[in-house]
Amino acid sequence: MAVIRRGRIQTFDNNNKSKVIVIVGEDNEENAVNTVAVKIPTIEGQPFPSPNNMVLELKSENENGTKRFVFKELIFSSNPVSFTYEMTATMKDVNNNQVGDPLTINVKVTEGE
């Protein structure tokens, strides 16, 4: 059964844009996960994300079933580096049905390479 292994938010383009990355593991047998829906709520006193809800598309897949999903169009109202956001990720199949349980994690925004 597929599981969400980790998620992160990285800034790029001089911190004007950010990308959301979610790693899904153990999907080599069922190959059920097609996209990952992510929600990042606005937190008072911190840069606000736009959009708050996004769909991450498959970027890469390893032979062992580990998949990397990415969304590159996240924009914050100001530099979000070092702020922490609560991110909820939900795996979806090709019919947009939920796969497994959603995962809510705290993610600290980092500067990308």
C-alpha atoms as a PDB file:
ATOM      1  CA  MET A   1       0.000   0.000   0.000  1.00  0.00           C
ATOM      2  CA  ALA A   2       1.365   3.400  -0.967  1.00  0.00           C
ATOM      3  CA  VAL A   3       2.402   5.762   1.826  1.00  0.00           C
ATOM      4  CA  ILE A   4       3.548   9.378   1.952  1.00  0.00           C
ATOM      5  CA  ARG A   5       7.174   9.332   3.093  1.00  0.00           C
ATOM      6  CA  ARG A   6       7.893  13.071   3.372  1.00  0.00           C
ATOM      7  CA  GLY A   7       7.027  16.508   2.101  1.00  0.00           C
ATOM      8  CA  ARG A   8       8.913  19.765   1.784  1.00  0.00           C
ATOM      9  CA  ILE A   9       8.660  23.306   0.486  1.00  0.00           C
ATOM     10  CA  GLN A  10      11.669  24.918  -1.213  1.00  0.00           C
ATOM     11  CA  THR A  11      12.042  28.440  -2.515  1.00  0.00           C
ATOM     12  CA  PHE A  12      13.737  29.297  -5.793  1.00  0.00           C
ATOM     13  CA  ASP A  13      13.943  32.260  -8.187  1.00  0.00           C
ATOM     14  CA  ASN A  14      15.256  34.601  -5.454  1.00  0.00           C
ATOM     15  CA  ASN A  15      12.544  33.385  -3.036  1.00  0.00           C
ATOM     16  CA  ASN A  16       9.717  34.732  -5.223  1.00  0.00           C
ATOM     17  CA  LYS A  17       8.472  31.235  -6.076  1.00  0.00           C
ATOM     18  CA  SER A  18       8.410  27.984  -4.167  1.00  0.00           C
ATOM     19  CA  LYS A  19       7.924  24.354  -5.011  1.00  0.00           C
ATOM     20  CA  VAL A  20       6.132  21.713  -3.009  1.00  0.00           C
ATOM     21  CA  ILE A  21       7.583  18.200  -3.120  1.00  0.00           C
ATOM     22  CA  VAL A  22       5.940  15.041  -1.787  1.00  0.00           C
ATOM     23  CA  ILE A  23       7.623  11.635  -1.817  1.00  0.00           C
ATOM     24  CA  VAL A  24       5.343   8.583  -1.992  1.00  0.00           C
ATOM     25  CA  GLY A  25       6.781   5.138  -1.269  1.00  0.00           C
ATOM     26  CA  GLU A  26       5.739   1.525  -1.663  1.00  0.00           C
ATOM     27  CA  ASP A  27       3.593   2.023  -4.777  1.00  0.00           C
ATOM     28  CA  ASN A  28       5.496  -0.412  -7.038  1.00  0.00           C
ATOM     29  CA  GLU A  29       2.935  -3.250  -6.871  1.00  0.00           C
ATOM     30  CA  GLU A  30      -0.386  -1.388  -7.025  1.00  0.00           C
ATOM     31  CA  ASN A  31       0.845   1.701  -8.912  1.00  0.00           C
ATOM     32  CA  ALA A  32      -2.252   3.425  -7.535  1.00  0.00           C
ATOM     33  CA  VAL A  33      -1.045   6.993  -6.912  1.00  0.00           C
ATOM     34  CA  ASN A  34      -1.477   9.335  -9.880  1.00  0.00           C
ATOM     35  CA  THR A  35      -1.391  12.761  -8.176  1.00  0.00           C
ATOM     36  CA  VAL A  36      -1.102  14.233  -4.677  1.00  0.00           C
ATOM     37  CA  ALA A  37      -3.478  16.951  -3.457  1.00  0.00           C
ATOM     38  CA  VAL A  38      -1.860  19.355  -0.973  1.00  0.00           C
ATOM     39  CA  LYS A  39      -3.397  21.979   1.293  1.00  0.00           C
ATOM     40  CA  ILE A  40      -1.306  24.629   3.055  1.00  0.00           C
ATOM     41  CA  PRO A  41      -3.443  26.864   5.281  1.00  0.00           C
ATOM     42  CA  THR A  42      -2.716  30.529   5.880  1.00  0.00           C
ATOM     43  CA  ILE A  43      -1.142  31.245   9.266  1.00  0.00           C
ATOM     44  CA  GLU A  44      -1.600  34.681  10.818  1.00  0.00           C
ATOM     45  CA  GLY A  45       1.681  36.602  11.049  1.00  0.00           C
ATOM     46  CA  GLN A  46       3.431  34.512   8.377  1.00  0.00           C
ATOM     47  CA  PRO A  47       3.761  34.960   4.609  1.00  0.00           C
ATOM     48  CA  PHE A  48       0.597  33.562   3.050  1.00  0.00           C
ATOM     49  CA  PRO A  49       0.750  30.910   0.328  1.00  0.00           C
ATOM     50  CA  SER A  50      -1.053  31.173  -2.984  1.00  0.00           C
ATOM     51  CA  PRO A  51      -2.664  28.892  -3.937  1.00  0.00           C
ATOM     52  CA  ASN A  52      -3.609  27.206  -0.656  1.00  0.00           C
ATOM     53  CA  ASN A  53      -4.785  24.053  -2.461  1.00  0.00           C
ATOM     54  CA  MET A  54      -2.769  22.465  -5.241  1.00  0.00           C
ATOM     55  CA  VAL A  55      -2.367  19.225  -7.177  1.00  0.00           C
ATOM     56  CA  LEU A  56       1.144  17.837  -7.475  1.00  0.00           C
ATOM     57  CA  GLU A  57       1.969  15.973 -10.678  1.00  0.00           C
ATOM     58  CA  LEU A  58       4.308  12.991 -10.959  1.00  0.00           C
ATOM     59  CA  LYS A  59       7.866  14.186 -11.609  1.00  0.00           C
ATOM     60  CA  SER A  60       9.830  10.933 -11.329  1.00  0.00           C
ATOM     61  CA  GLU A  61       9.514   7.291 -10.318  1.00  0.00           C
ATOM     62  CA  ASN A  62      12.084   4.737  -9.157  1.00  0.00           C
ATOM     63  CA  GLU A  63      11.980   0.998  -9.867  1.00  0.00           C
ATOM     64  CA  ASN A  64      11.198   0.330  -6.185  1.00  0.00           C
ATOM     65  CA  GLY A  65       7.910   2.253  -6.448  1.00  0.00           C
ATOM     66  CA  THR A  66       9.071   5.521  -4.873  1.00  0.00           C
ATOM     67  CA  LYS A  67       7.430   8.467  -6.633  1.00  0.00           C
ATOM     68  CA  ARG A  68       8.254  12.178  -6.496  1.00  0.00           C
ATOM     69  CA  PHE A  69       5.375  14.636  -6.986  1.00  0.00           C
ATOM     70  CA  VAL A  70       6.064  18.350  -7.550  1.00  0.00           C
ATOM     71  CA  PHE A  71       4.159  21.651  -7.814  1.00  0.00           C
ATOM     72  CA  LYS A  72       6.354  24.626  -8.882  1.00  0.00           C
ATOM     73  CA  GLU A  73       3.892  27.523  -8.928  1.00  0.00           C
ATOM     74  CA  LEU A  74       3.504  28.271  -5.207  1.00  0.00           C
ATOM     75  CA  ILE A  75       3.986  31.957  -4.419  1.00  0.00           C
ATOM     76  CA  PHE A  76       4.209  33.450  -0.927  1.00  0.00           C
ATOM     77  CA  SER A  77       3.344  37.047  -0.023  1.00  0.00           C
ATOM     78  CA  SER A  78       6.952  37.533   1.179  1.00  0.00           C
ATOM     79  CA  ASN A  79      10.045  35.411   1.793  1.00  0.00           C
ATOM     80  CA  PRO A  80       8.838  32.260   3.635  1.00  0.00           C
ATOM     81  CA  VAL A  81      12.271  30.734   4.383  1.00  0.00           C
ATOM     82  CA  SER A  82      12.504  29.377   7.954  1.00  0.00           C
ATOM     83  CA  PHE A  83       8.738  29.585   8.550  1.00  0.00           C
ATOM     84  CA  THR A  84       6.888  26.343   9.335  1.00  0.00           C
ATOM     85  CA  TYR A  85       3.551  25.435   7.743  1.00  0.00           C
ATOM     86  CA  GLU A  86       1.131  22.595   8.408  1.00  0.00           C
ATOM     87  CA  MET A  87       0.765  20.732   5.123  1.00  0.00           C
ATOM     88  CA  THR A  88      -1.887  18.088   4.436  1.00  0.00           C
ATOM     89  CA  ALA A  89      -1.174  15.719   1.547  1.00  0.00           C
ATOM     90  CA  THR A  90      -3.719  13.299   0.065  1.00  0.00           C
ATOM     91  CA  MET A  91      -2.781  10.685  -2.538  1.00  0.00           C
ATOM     92  CA  LYS A  92      -5.215  10.320  -5.481  1.00  0.00           C
ATOM     93  CA  ASP A  93      -5.649   7.667  -8.162  1.00  0.00           C
ATOM     94  CA  VAL A  94      -6.360   8.231 -11.884  1.00  0.00           C
ATOM     95  CA  ASN A  95     -10.078   8.696 -11.094  1.00  0.00           C
ATOM     96  CA  ASN A  96      -9.283  11.325  -8.414  1.00  0.00           C
ATOM     97  CA  ASN A  97     -10.297   8.914  -5.631  1.00  0.00           C
ATOM     98  CA  GLN A  98      -8.369   9.000  -2.366  1.00  0.00           C
ATOM     99  CA  VAL A  99      -5.640   6.385  -1.907  1.00  0.00           C
ATOM    100  CA  GLY A 100      -4.763   5.586   1.713  1.00  0.00           C
ATOM    101  CA  ASP A 101      -4.957   8.110   4.525  1.00  0.00           C
ATOM    102  CA  PRO A 102      -4.068  11.813   4.220  1.00  0.00           C
ATOM    103  CA  LEU A 103      -0.926  12.878   6.050  1.00  0.00           C
ATOM    104  CA  THR A 104      -0.608  16.169   7.929  1.00  0.00           C
ATOM    105  CA  ILE A 105       2.959  17.260   8.675  1.00  0.00           C
ATOM    106  CA  ASN A 106       4.768  20.415   9.743  1.00  0.00           C
ATOM    107  CA  VAL A 107       7.113  21.567   6.992  1.00  0.00           C
ATOM    108  CA  LYS A 108       9.819  24.220   7.403  1.00  0.00           C
ATOM    109  CA  VAL A 109      10.427  26.217   4.206  1.00  0.00           C
ATOM    110  CA  THR A 110      14.027  25.976   2.958  1.00  0.00           C
ATOM    111  CA  GLU A 111      16.034  27.661   0.219  1.00  0.00           C
ATOM    112  CA  GLY A 112      16.380  25.485  -2.870  1.00  0.00           C
ATOM    113  CA  GLU A 113      19.607  24.799  -4.691  1.00  0.00           C
END
